[in-house]
Amino acid sequence: MKTIKVSVVTPDGPVYDSDVEMVSTKAQSGELGILPGHIPMVAPLEIGAVRLKKEGKTDLVAVSGGFLEVRPDQVTILAQSAETASHIDVERAQRAKERAEQRLHDHKLDHIDFKRAELALQRAINRLAVSERKF
């Protein structure tokens, strides 16, 4: 089966680099499925999971936004932050989720930035879902 090279890169360095059969992710325009030979494109990503199908298995990478660049033989994901399922600190993600929920609960206070707390909650939920492989 044909494969396509995938690189997931953050400002801290590479997170994932492998040849895969298919890439699925959520862009701002909707769900994308990318196979080898896909037409070139660039798309902004949502907070979500990147699903990488390889040899009958699916690897998951939690991304917190960024950009996807597709070329016929390569996919590059430039993410603000990214973690493979095996590298997610579940306890830390759970604490982040609880903090964000508390901030949203207390959003009536003037010093709480509602949008920032909402994004923090989305990132924490995404990391927990990827670590539990709920995609």
C-alpha atoms as a PDB file:
ATOM      1  CA  MET A   1       0.000   0.000   0.000  1.00  0.00           C
ATOM      2  CA  LYS A   2       1.204   3.516  -0.781  1.00  0.00           C
ATOM      3  CA  THR A   3       2.309   5.759   2.053  1.00  0.00           C
ATOM      4  CA  ILE A   4       2.816   9.456   2.675  1.00  0.00           C
ATOM      5  CA  LYS A   5       5.469  11.001   4.933  1.00  0.00           C
ATOM      6  CA  VAL A   6       4.015  12.863   7.925  1.00  0.00           C
ATOM      7  CA  SER A   7       5.853  15.278  10.195  1.00  0.00           C
ATOM      8  CA  VAL A   8       4.266  16.952  13.224  1.00  0.00           C
ATOM      9  CA  VAL A   9       6.426  19.829  14.418  1.00  0.00           C
ATOM     10  CA  THR A  10       6.060  22.312  17.298  1.00  0.00           C
ATOM     11  CA  PRO A  11       8.214  25.282  18.322  1.00  0.00           C
ATOM     12  CA  ASP A  12       9.897  22.841  20.751  1.00  0.00           C
ATOM     13  CA  GLY A  13      10.838  20.429  17.973  1.00  0.00           C
ATOM     14  CA  PRO A  14       9.510  17.365  16.146  1.00  0.00           C
ATOM     15  CA  VAL A  15       6.769  15.275  17.790  1.00  0.00           C
ATOM     16  CA  TYR A  16       5.977  12.674  15.116  1.00  0.00           C
ATOM     17  CA  ASP A  17       7.739  11.587  11.934  1.00  0.00           C
ATOM     18  CA  SER A  18       6.702   8.509   9.982  1.00  0.00           C
ATOM     19  CA  ASP A  19       5.284   7.150   6.737  1.00  0.00           C
ATOM     20  CA  VAL A  20       1.545   6.477   7.023  1.00  0.00           C
ATOM     21  CA  GLU A  21      -1.275   5.265   4.791  1.00  0.00           C
ATOM     22  CA  MET A  22      -3.789   7.979   5.751  1.00  0.00           C
ATOM     23  CA  VAL A  23      -4.024  11.173   7.799  1.00  0.00           C
ATOM     24  CA  SER A  24      -7.322  12.361   9.289  1.00  0.00           C
ATOM     25  CA  THR A  25      -7.676  15.622  11.177  1.00  0.00           C
ATOM     26  CA  LYS A  26     -10.041  18.488  11.872  1.00  0.00           C
ATOM     27  CA  ALA A  27      -9.379  21.723  10.026  1.00  0.00           C
ATOM     28  CA  GLN A  28     -11.339  24.915  10.573  1.00  0.00           C
ATOM     29  CA  SER A  29     -13.202  24.131   7.337  1.00  0.00           C
ATOM     30  CA  GLY A  30     -14.138  20.601   8.507  1.00  0.00           C
ATOM     31  CA  GLU A  31     -12.792  17.058   8.714  1.00  0.00           C
ATOM     32  CA  LEU A  32      -9.941  16.220   6.313  1.00  0.00           C
ATOM     33  CA  GLY A  33      -8.796  12.817   5.100  1.00  0.00           C
ATOM     34  CA  ILE A  34      -5.474  12.770   3.261  1.00  0.00           C
ATOM     35  CA  LEU A  35      -4.095   9.895   1.217  1.00  0.00           C
ATOM     36  CA  PRO A  36      -0.843   9.636  -0.768  1.00  0.00           C
ATOM     37  CA  GLY A  37      -1.050  11.786  -3.903  1.00  0.00           C
ATOM     38  CA  HIS A  38      -3.444  14.331  -2.351  1.00  0.00           C
ATOM     39  CA  ILE A  39      -3.540  17.724  -4.056  1.00  0.00           C
ATOM     40  CA  PRO A  40      -1.392  20.439  -2.436  1.00  0.00           C
ATOM     41  CA  MET A  41      -3.183  22.553   0.153  1.00  0.00           C
ATOM     42  CA  VAL A  42      -2.738  24.513   3.359  1.00  0.00           C
ATOM     43  CA  ALA A  43      -5.387  24.588   6.095  1.00  0.00           C
ATOM     44  CA  PRO A  44      -5.623  26.001   9.635  1.00  0.00           C
ATOM     45  CA  LEU A  45      -6.269  23.298  12.244  1.00  0.00           C
ATOM     46  CA  GLU A  46      -8.694  23.168  15.152  1.00  0.00           C
ATOM     47  CA  ILE A  47      -7.852  21.810  18.577  1.00  0.00           C
ATOM     48  CA  GLY A  48      -8.234  18.080  18.042  1.00  0.00           C
ATOM     49  CA  ALA A  49      -6.651  14.745  17.292  1.00  0.00           C
ATOM     50  CA  VAL A  50      -4.615  13.853  14.237  1.00  0.00           C
ATOM     51  CA  ARG A  51      -5.292  10.221  13.349  1.00  0.00           C
ATOM     52  CA  LEU A  52      -2.452   8.490  11.504  1.00  0.00           C
ATOM     53  CA  LYS A  53      -3.274   5.083   9.996  1.00  0.00           C
ATOM     54  CA  LYS A  54      -0.303   2.800   9.563  1.00  0.00           C
ATOM     55  CA  GLU A  55      -0.126  -0.984   9.088  1.00  0.00           C
ATOM     56  CA  GLY A  56      -3.646  -1.556  10.413  1.00  0.00           C
ATOM     57  CA  LYS A  57      -3.090   0.588  13.518  1.00  0.00           C
ATOM     58  CA  THR A  58      -3.997   4.178  14.290  1.00  0.00           C
ATOM     59  CA  ASP A  59      -1.569   6.510  16.035  1.00  0.00           C
ATOM     60  CA  LEU A  60      -3.038   9.597  17.681  1.00  0.00           C
ATOM     61  CA  VAL A  61      -1.459  13.003  18.182  1.00  0.00           C
ATOM     62  CA  ALA A  62      -3.244  15.722  20.185  1.00  0.00           C
ATOM     63  CA  VAL A  63      -2.724  19.123  18.537  1.00  0.00           C
ATOM     64  CA  SER A  64      -3.707  22.534  19.860  1.00  0.00           C
ATOM     65  CA  GLY A  65      -4.256  24.375  16.616  1.00  0.00           C
ATOM     66  CA  GLY A  66      -1.696  25.197  13.965  1.00  0.00           C
ATOM     67  CA  PHE A  67      -1.465  24.596  10.229  1.00  0.00           C
ATOM     68  CA  LEU A  68      -1.505  21.608   7.927  1.00  0.00           C
ATOM     69  CA  GLU A  69       0.499  21.671   4.705  1.00  0.00           C
ATOM     70  CA  VAL A  70      -0.176  18.920   2.189  1.00  0.00           C
ATOM     71  CA  ARG A  71       1.994  17.990  -0.772  1.00  0.00           C
ATOM     72  CA  PRO A  72       1.475  14.862  -2.886  1.00  0.00           C
ATOM     73  CA  ASP A  73       4.246  12.998  -1.039  1.00  0.00           C
ATOM     74  CA  GLN A  74       4.353  14.753   2.358  1.00  0.00           C
ATOM     75  CA  VAL A  75       2.135  16.197   5.088  1.00  0.00           C
ATOM     76  CA  THR A  76       3.591  18.697   7.528  1.00  0.00           C
ATOM     77  CA  ILE A  77       1.669  19.798  10.603  1.00  0.00           C
ATOM     78  CA  LEU A  78       2.991  22.925  12.265  1.00  0.00           C
ATOM     79  CA  ALA A  79       1.282  22.908  15.658  1.00  0.00           C
ATOM     80  CA  GLN A  80       1.362  25.331  18.545  1.00  0.00           C
ATOM     81  CA  SER A  81       1.641  22.251  20.765  1.00  0.00           C
ATOM     82  CA  ALA A  82       1.330  18.530  20.094  1.00  0.00           C
ATOM     83  CA  GLU A  83       1.665  15.297  22.053  1.00  0.00           C
ATOM     84  CA  THR A  84       1.471  11.670  21.057  1.00  0.00           C
ATOM     85  CA  ALA A  85      -0.997   9.604  23.089  1.00  0.00           C
ATOM     86  CA  SER A  86       1.821   7.825  24.926  1.00  0.00           C
ATOM     87  CA  HIS A  87       3.455  11.098  26.038  1.00  0.00           C
ATOM     88  CA  ILE A  88       0.394  12.782  27.561  1.00  0.00           C
ATOM     89  CA  ASP A  89       0.579  13.332  31.309  1.00  0.00           C
ATOM     90  CA  VAL A  90      -2.997  12.327  32.180  1.00  0.00           C
ATOM     91  CA  GLU A  91      -2.900  13.725  35.735  1.00  0.00           C
ATOM     92  CA  ARG A  92      -1.651  17.087  34.479  1.00  0.00           C
ATOM     93  CA  ALA A  93      -4.337  17.176  31.770  1.00  0.00           C
ATOM     94  CA  GLN A  94      -7.011  16.315  34.355  1.00  0.00           C
ATOM     95  CA  ARG A  95      -5.824  19.155  36.631  1.00  0.00           C
ATOM     96  CA  ALA A  96      -5.849  21.566  33.668  1.00  0.00           C
ATOM     97  CA  LYS A  97      -9.407  20.485  32.842  1.00  0.00           C
ATOM     98  CA  GLU A  98     -10.536  21.061  36.428  1.00  0.00           C
ATOM     99  CA  ARG A  99      -8.876  24.507  36.545  1.00  0.00           C
ATOM    100  CA  ALA A 100     -10.514  25.529  33.271  1.00  0.00           C
ATOM    101  CA  GLU A 101     -13.923  24.304  34.433  1.00  0.00           C
ATOM    102  CA  GLN A 102     -13.547  26.268  37.654  1.00  0.00           C
ATOM    103  CA  ARG A 103     -12.592  29.409  35.720  1.00  0.00           C
ATOM    104  CA  LEU A 104     -15.604  28.992  33.461  1.00  0.00           C
ATOM    105  CA  HIS A 105     -17.819  28.490  36.504  1.00  0.00           C
ATOM    106  CA  ASP A 106     -16.427  31.716  37.988  1.00  0.00           C
ATOM    107  CA  HIS A 107     -16.583  33.628  34.678  1.00  0.00           C
ATOM    108  CA  LYS A 108     -18.816  36.252  36.234  1.00  0.00           C
ATOM    109  CA  LEU A 109     -15.751  37.658  37.915  1.00  0.00           C
ATOM    110  CA  ASP A 110     -14.237  40.509  35.906  1.00  0.00           C
ATOM    111  CA  HIS A 111     -10.684  39.169  35.984  1.00  0.00           C
ATOM    112  CA  ILE A 112     -11.552  35.886  34.215  1.00  0.00           C
ATOM    113  CA  ASP A 113     -10.934  35.738  30.468  1.00  0.00           C
ATOM    114  CA  PHE A 114     -13.826  33.524  29.333  1.00  0.00           C
ATOM    115  CA  LYS A 115     -12.425  32.696  25.853  1.00  0.00           C
ATOM    116  CA  ARG A 116      -9.013  31.773  27.242  1.00  0.00           C
ATOM    117  CA  ALA A 117     -10.581  29.471  29.840  1.00  0.00           C
ATOM    118  CA  GLU A 118     -12.791  27.891  27.171  1.00  0.00           C
ATOM    119  CA  LEU A 119      -9.763  27.152  24.953  1.00  0.00           C
ATOM    120  CA  ALA A 120      -7.847  25.723  27.930  1.00  0.00           C
ATOM    121  CA  LEU A 121     -10.782  23.398  28.606  1.00  0.00           C
ATOM    122  CA  GLN A 122     -10.893  22.268  24.947  1.00  0.00           C
ATOM    123  CA  ARG A 123      -7.140  21.543  24.980  1.00  0.00           C
ATOM    124  CA  ALA A 124      -7.401  19.536  28.220  1.00  0.00           C
ATOM    125  CA  ILE A 125     -10.404  17.525  27.000  1.00  0.00           C
ATOM    126  CA  ASN A 126      -8.581  16.817  23.716  1.00  0.00           C
ATOM    127  CA  ARG A 127      -5.461  15.606  25.519  1.00  0.00           C
ATOM    128  CA  LEU A 128      -7.522  13.337  27.797  1.00  0.00           C
ATOM    129  CA  ALA A 129      -9.501  11.916  24.859  1.00  0.00           C
ATOM    130  CA  VAL A 130      -6.315  11.182  22.902  1.00  0.00           C
ATOM    131  CA  SER A 131      -4.668   9.546  25.926  1.00  0.00           C
ATOM    132  CA  GLU A 132      -7.759   7.332  26.338  1.00  0.00           C
ATOM    133  CA  ARG A 133      -7.918   6.723  22.552  1.00  0.00           C
ATOM    134  CA  LYS A 134     -11.524   7.937  22.305  1.00  0.00           C
ATOM    135  CA  PHE A 135     -11.332   8.775  18.592  1.00  0.00           C
END
